[in-house]
Amino acid sequence: MGQVPLGQQVFEKGELHMKRSGKYCSYLGGAAILLLLGAVAGCGSGGKARVTGKVTVNGKPVTGGLVSFAPIATDKKEPGKPAAGEVQQDGSYTLGTESKNDGAVPGKHSVRYTPPSIPYPEGRDPRPGEAPPKSGFEGLVPKNQEVEVKVGTNNVDIELVPGPRS
């Protein structure tokens, strides 16, 4: 077999192969390594801010549910990924984006609260179409539905109030 031009398909030993020069392959390998390093450098908690706080209703801690912060887009840049945190029995939460407790991207966020799902009592099966037990936190929304996350550590307490009736 003679010289094969770069990127030419060749049928050899019953198989179709793409022939490349060694120089071309080394460029591809180098480019792949640079892309991988760039992706790894963009990962981690760099660019995220720690966000913790307490969720309350009528001054008492909320004992479960989920708090989520969704970045609000601006014309300058992509907003980033949303962050969420599970509300603990004492009402406290810590946000995470890529992993638990790694924070949220700085900037303006829309805040949401999702009440916990309460399991049926042990040994009791729900009837078809029966709604799950209520937690007592349904219909509540954050009083301040927009917050600013700043670089560094943020303490964002969330007060829940009755939401609009639909």
Protein backbone atom coordinates (compact mmCIF):
# COMPACT_ATOMS: atom_id res chain seq x y z
CA MET A 1 0.00 0.00 0.00
CA GLY A 2 1.28 3.48 -0.86
CA GLN A 3 1.12 6.87 0.81
CA VAL A 4 -2.34 7.65 2.27
CA PRO A 5 -3.45 11.31 2.35
CA LEU A 6 -4.44 12.74 5.73
CA GLY A 7 -7.96 11.69 6.77
CA GLN A 8 -8.47 9.18 3.93
CA GLN A 9 -10.57 6.07 4.57
CA VAL A 10 -8.82 2.81 3.74
CA PHE A 11 -10.21 -0.71 3.61
CA GLU A 12 -7.67 -3.07 5.23
CA LYS A 13 -8.02 -6.65 6.40
CA GLY A 14 -11.80 -6.58 6.05
CA GLU A 15 -12.22 -3.35 8.09
CA LEU A 16 -12.64 0.32 7.23
CA HIS A 17 -9.94 2.53 8.83
CA MET A 18 -9.26 6.27 8.90
CA LYS A 19 -5.57 6.93 8.31
CA ARG A 20 -4.02 9.93 10.04
CA SER A 21 -0.46 11.14 10.27
CA GLY A 22 1.30 10.95 13.64
CA LYS A 23 1.69 14.75 13.65
CA TYR A 24 -2.09 15.23 13.25
CA CYS A 25 -2.78 12.76 16.09
CA SER A 26 -0.40 14.57 18.44
CA TYR A 27 -2.20 17.86 17.73
CA LEU A 28 -5.54 16.19 18.48
CA GLY A 29 -4.17 14.69 21.70
CA GLY A 30 -2.80 18.07 22.80
CA ALA A 31 -6.11 19.78 22.04
CA ALA A 32 -8.01 17.12 23.98
CA ILE A 33 -5.75 17.61 27.02
CA LEU A 34 -6.22 21.40 26.89
CA LEU A 35 -10.01 21.01 26.71
CA LEU A 36 -9.97 18.59 29.64
CA LEU A 37 -7.81 20.93 31.74
CA GLY A 38 -10.12 23.83 30.92
CA ALA A 39 -13.16 21.82 31.98
CA VAL A 40 -11.52 20.74 35.24
CA ALA A 41 -10.43 24.30 35.99
CA GLY A 42 -14.04 25.44 35.56
CA CYS A 43 -15.30 22.89 38.07
CA GLY A 44 -15.28 22.96 41.84
CA SER A 45 -16.45 25.62 44.24
CA GLY A 46 -14.45 28.40 42.58
CA GLY A 47 -16.98 31.07 41.70
CA LYS A 48 -19.51 29.93 44.28
CA ALA A 49 -20.42 31.60 47.55
CA ARG A 50 -21.42 29.83 50.76
CA VAL A 51 -25.13 30.32 51.57
CA THR A 52 -26.75 29.24 54.84
CA GLY A 53 -29.78 30.37 56.78
CA LYS A 54 -32.97 29.46 58.63
CA VAL A 55 -36.46 29.01 57.24
CA THR A 56 -39.28 30.18 59.51
CA VAL A 57 -43.03 30.73 59.50
CA ASN A 58 -44.58 32.99 62.16
CA GLY A 59 -41.18 33.12 63.89
CA LYS A 60 -40.99 29.30 64.30
CA PRO A 61 -38.60 27.03 62.37
CA VAL A 62 -39.92 25.10 59.39
CA THR A 63 -39.03 21.45 60.00
CA GLY A 64 -38.57 20.17 56.44
CA GLY A 65 -38.74 20.83 52.74
CA LEU A 66 -36.39 22.22 50.15
CA VAL A 67 -35.11 25.73 49.45
CA SER A 68 -33.92 26.52 45.92
CA PHE A 69 -32.14 29.55 44.51
CA ALA A 70 -32.33 30.03 40.72
CA PRO A 71 -29.91 32.59 39.26
CA ILE A 72 -31.60 35.40 37.34
CA ALA A 73 -30.07 36.05 33.90
CA THR A 74 -28.65 39.44 33.01
CA ASP A 75 -27.73 40.69 29.53
CA LYS A 76 -24.05 40.43 30.44
CA LYS A 77 -23.65 36.72 31.19
CA GLU A 78 -25.20 33.29 31.63
CA PRO A 79 -26.88 33.03 35.03
CA GLY A 80 -25.26 29.77 36.16
CA LYS A 81 -26.74 26.67 37.75
CA PRO A 82 -29.44 26.75 40.44
CA ALA A 83 -28.63 25.72 44.02
CA ALA A 84 -30.76 23.91 46.57
CA GLY A 85 -30.64 22.90 50.21
CA GLU A 86 -32.68 20.57 52.37
CA VAL A 87 -34.39 22.25 55.31
CA GLN A 88 -33.38 20.50 58.55
CA GLN A 89 -35.53 19.89 61.65
CA ASP A 90 -34.26 23.14 63.22
CA GLY A 91 -35.12 25.14 60.07
CA SER A 92 -31.50 25.52 58.94
CA TYR A 93 -30.30 24.93 55.38
CA THR A 94 -27.05 25.12 53.39
CA LEU A 95 -27.10 25.48 49.62
CA GLY A 96 -25.31 23.26 47.12
CA THR A 97 -24.97 23.44 43.35
CA GLU A 98 -22.65 20.68 42.10
CA SER A 99 -22.50 18.86 45.42
CA LYS A 100 -24.07 19.15 48.85
CA ASN A 101 -23.12 22.40 50.62
CA ASP A 102 -20.78 23.77 47.90
CA GLY A 103 -22.70 27.06 47.65
CA ALA A 104 -24.40 29.14 44.97
CA VAL A 105 -23.14 31.37 42.18
CA PRO A 106 -23.00 35.05 43.16
CA GLY A 107 -25.70 37.32 41.77
CA LYS A 108 -29.47 37.83 41.96
CA HIS A 109 -31.57 34.72 42.60
CA SER A 110 -35.23 33.81 42.59
CA VAL A 111 -36.03 31.93 45.84
CA ARG A 112 -38.52 29.05 46.11
CA TYR A 113 -39.66 26.77 48.90
CA THR A 114 -41.01 23.25 48.34
CA PRO A 115 -42.78 21.60 51.29
CA PRO A 116 -41.70 18.11 52.38
CA SER A 117 -43.47 14.97 51.23
CA ILE A 118 -44.93 13.16 54.23
CA PRO A 119 -45.04 9.37 53.99
CA TYR A 120 -48.22 7.45 54.74
CA PRO A 121 -48.33 5.89 58.22
CA GLU A 122 -46.54 2.54 58.41
CA GLY A 123 -48.76 -0.37 57.44
CA ARG A 124 -51.28 1.84 55.64
CA ASP A 125 -51.56 1.82 51.85
CA PRO A 126 -53.10 4.83 50.12
CA ARG A 127 -56.36 4.42 48.23
CA PRO A 128 -56.17 5.12 44.48
CA GLY A 129 -56.18 8.88 43.90
CA GLU A 130 -55.72 9.69 47.59
CA ALA A 131 -53.50 12.71 48.24
CA PRO A 132 -50.45 12.17 50.47
CA PRO A 133 -50.59 13.45 54.06
CA LYS A 134 -50.03 17.21 54.43
CA SER A 135 -46.94 18.62 56.15
CA GLY A 136 -48.63 21.84 57.22
CA PHE A 137 -46.27 23.94 55.07
CA GLU A 138 -48.24 23.75 51.81
CA GLY A 139 -49.15 27.05 50.17
CA LEU A 140 -46.29 28.96 51.82
CA VAL A 141 -43.87 31.09 49.79
CA PRO A 142 -40.80 33.14 50.70
CA LYS A 143 -41.72 36.68 51.76
CA ASN A 144 -38.68 37.96 49.82
CA GLN A 145 -38.70 36.02 46.56
CA GLU A 146 -35.53 37.61 45.21
CA VAL A 147 -32.16 37.77 46.98
CA GLU A 148 -28.60 38.81 46.16
CA VAL A 149 -25.83 36.25 46.80
CA LYS A 150 -22.50 38.01 47.32
CA VAL A 151 -18.98 36.59 47.05
CA GLY A 152 -17.93 35.05 50.39
CA THR A 153 -20.28 33.81 53.11
CA ASN A 154 -23.99 34.70 53.04
CA ASN A 155 -26.59 34.23 55.77
CA VAL A 156 -30.00 34.35 54.11
CA ASP A 157 -32.91 33.75 56.49
CA ILE A 158 -36.18 32.97 54.72
CA GLU A 159 -39.55 33.89 56.20
CA LEU A 160 -42.46 31.98 54.69
CA VAL A 161 -45.88 33.61 54.27
CA PRO A 162 -49.14 32.36 52.73
CA GLY A 163 -48.93 32.46 48.93
CA PRO A 164 -51.55 33.79 46.57
CA ARG A 165 -54.64 31.62 46.30
CA SER A 166 -55.11 30.02 42.91
